Amino acid sequence: SSTTLTWSNETATKYQILMQYGTPGAWQYYWTWTTTTPSFTVWPQTHGKSFRWRVRALNASGWGSWSAWAQFYFP
């Protein structure tokens, strides 16, 4: 099973996605990816967990701020 994360930014050339798993107050680092497209499919190796992720974009001015966290549950 997989899930696809999506976002939008019209001026970016690259994105970083940061993902953590666990529960509020006990989040653990899962992975950071870099991609050139405004979506990314992940296949979490840890089932039965909540995940949260955020993204930031790179353009001619440099890296932007991280987005707010979004969450999903992976059965």
C-alpha atoms as a PDB file:
ATOM      1  CA  SER A   1       0.000   0.000   0.000  1.00  0.00           C
ATOM      2  CA  SER A   2       1.057   3.562  -0.628  1.00  0.00           C
ATOM      3  CA  THR A   3      -0.147   7.119  -0.262  1.00  0.00           C
ATOM      4  CA  THR A   4       0.512  10.125  -2.494  1.00  0.00           C
ATOM      5  CA  LEU A   5       1.298  13.485  -0.924  1.00  0.00           C
ATOM      6  CA  THR A   6       0.452  16.535  -3.071  1.00  0.00           C
ATOM      7  CA  TRP A   7       0.935  20.312  -2.819  1.00  0.00           C
ATOM      8  CA  SER A   8       1.226  23.290  -5.157  1.00  0.00           C
ATOM      9  CA  ASN A   9       3.814  25.968  -5.853  1.00  0.00           C
ATOM     10  CA  GLU A  10       4.133  27.474  -9.319  1.00  0.00           C
ATOM     11  CA  THR A  11       7.636  28.956  -9.023  1.00  0.00           C
ATOM     12  CA  ALA A  12       9.546  26.112  -7.343  1.00  0.00           C
ATOM     13  CA  THR A  13      12.238  24.015  -8.982  1.00  0.00           C
ATOM     14  CA  LYS A  14      12.711  21.529  -6.133  1.00  0.00           C
ATOM     15  CA  TYR A  15      10.898  20.395  -2.974  1.00  0.00           C
ATOM     16  CA  GLN A  16      11.862  18.757   0.302  1.00  0.00           C
ATOM     17  CA  ILE A  17       9.381  16.575   2.179  1.00  0.00           C
ATOM     18  CA  LEU A  18       9.921  15.818   5.873  1.00  0.00           C
ATOM     19  CA  MET A  19       7.968  12.947   7.411  1.00  0.00           C
ATOM     20  CA  GLN A  20       7.596  11.735  10.988  1.00  0.00           C
ATOM     21  CA  TYR A  21       5.532   8.945  12.575  1.00  0.00           C
ATOM     22  CA  GLY A  22       4.056   8.319  16.011  1.00  0.00           C
ATOM     23  CA  THR A  23       1.593  10.295  18.093  1.00  0.00           C
ATOM     24  CA  PRO A  24       1.317  13.937  19.185  1.00  0.00           C
ATOM     25  CA  GLY A  25       4.063  14.621  21.712  1.00  0.00           C
ATOM     26  CA  ALA A  26       6.000  11.522  20.633  1.00  0.00           C
ATOM     27  CA  TRP A  27       6.765  12.030  16.931  1.00  0.00           C
ATOM     28  CA  GLN A  28       9.832  10.272  15.543  1.00  0.00           C
ATOM     29  CA  TYR A  29      11.821  11.137  12.434  1.00  0.00           C
ATOM     30  CA  TYR A  30      10.923   8.894   9.493  1.00  0.00           C
ATOM     31  CA  TRP A  31      12.567  10.315   6.351  1.00  0.00           C
ATOM     32  CA  THR A  32      13.362  13.414   4.274  1.00  0.00           C
ATOM     33  CA  TRP A  33      13.054  13.308   0.480  1.00  0.00           C
ATOM     34  CA  THR A  34      13.907  15.775  -2.282  1.00  0.00           C
ATOM     35  CA  THR A  35      11.924  15.854  -5.526  1.00  0.00           C
ATOM     36  CA  THR A  36      11.295  18.140  -8.521  1.00  0.00           C
ATOM     37  CA  THR A  37       7.553  17.446  -8.804  1.00  0.00           C
ATOM     38  CA  PRO A  38       4.710  18.771  -6.587  1.00  0.00           C
ATOM     39  CA  SER A  39       3.674  15.292  -5.440  1.00  0.00           C
ATOM     40  CA  PHE A  40       5.397  12.298  -3.915  1.00  0.00           C
ATOM     41  CA  THR A  41       4.259   8.699  -3.344  1.00  0.00           C
ATOM     42  CA  VAL A  42       5.450   6.955  -0.182  1.00  0.00           C
ATOM     43  CA  TRP A  43       5.262   3.328   0.912  1.00  0.00           C
ATOM     44  CA  PRO A  44       5.633   3.495   4.707  1.00  0.00           C
ATOM     45  CA  GLN A  45       7.408   0.515   6.249  1.00  0.00           C
ATOM     46  CA  THR A  46       5.696   1.041   9.615  1.00  0.00           C
ATOM     47  CA  HIS A  47       2.025  -0.001   9.566  1.00  0.00           C
ATOM     48  CA  GLY A  48      -0.625   0.920  12.114  1.00  0.00           C
ATOM     49  CA  LYS A  49       0.897   4.357  12.718  1.00  0.00           C
ATOM     50  CA  SER A  50      -0.021   7.979  12.237  1.00  0.00           C
ATOM     51  CA  PHE A  51       2.305   9.979  10.028  1.00  0.00           C
ATOM     52  CA  ARG A  52       2.746  13.697   9.628  1.00  0.00           C
ATOM     53  CA  TRP A  53       4.555  15.521   6.856  1.00  0.00           C
ATOM     54  CA  ARG A  54       5.450  18.990   5.654  1.00  0.00           C
ATOM     55  CA  VAL A  55       7.088  20.419   2.571  1.00  0.00           C
ATOM     56  CA  ARG A  56       9.231  23.383   1.567  1.00  0.00           C
ATOM     57  CA  ALA A  57      10.107  24.686  -1.887  1.00  0.00           C
ATOM     58  CA  LEU A  58      13.257  25.935  -3.595  1.00  0.00           C
ATOM     59  CA  ASN A  59      13.205  28.721  -6.189  1.00  0.00           C
ATOM     60  CA  ALA A  60      15.652  31.388  -7.412  1.00  0.00           C
ATOM     61  CA  SER A  61      15.512  33.085  -3.977  1.00  0.00           C
ATOM     62  CA  GLY A  62      16.458  29.905  -2.054  1.00  0.00           C
ATOM     63  CA  TRP A  63      14.553  27.530   0.211  1.00  0.00           C
ATOM     64  CA  GLY A  64      11.221  28.740   1.548  1.00  0.00           C
ATOM     65  CA  SER A  65       9.739  28.084   4.966  1.00  0.00           C
ATOM     66  CA  TRP A  66       8.316  24.704   5.889  1.00  0.00           C
ATOM     67  CA  SER A  67       4.567  24.306   5.427  1.00  0.00           C
ATOM     68  CA  ALA A  68       2.232  23.461   8.285  1.00  0.00           C
ATOM     69  CA  TRP A  69       2.075  19.780   9.225  1.00  0.00           C
ATOM     70  CA  ALA A  70      -0.486  17.510   7.546  1.00  0.00           C
ATOM     71  CA  GLN A  71      -1.306  14.033   8.876  1.00  0.00           C
ATOM     72  CA  PHE A  72      -2.474  10.644   7.651  1.00  0.00           C
ATOM     73  CA  TYR A  73      -2.902   7.201   9.166  1.00  0.00           C
ATOM     74  CA  PHE A  74      -1.297   4.172   7.495  1.00  0.00           C
ATOM     75  CA  PRO A  75      -3.173   0.953   8.376  1.00  0.00           C
END
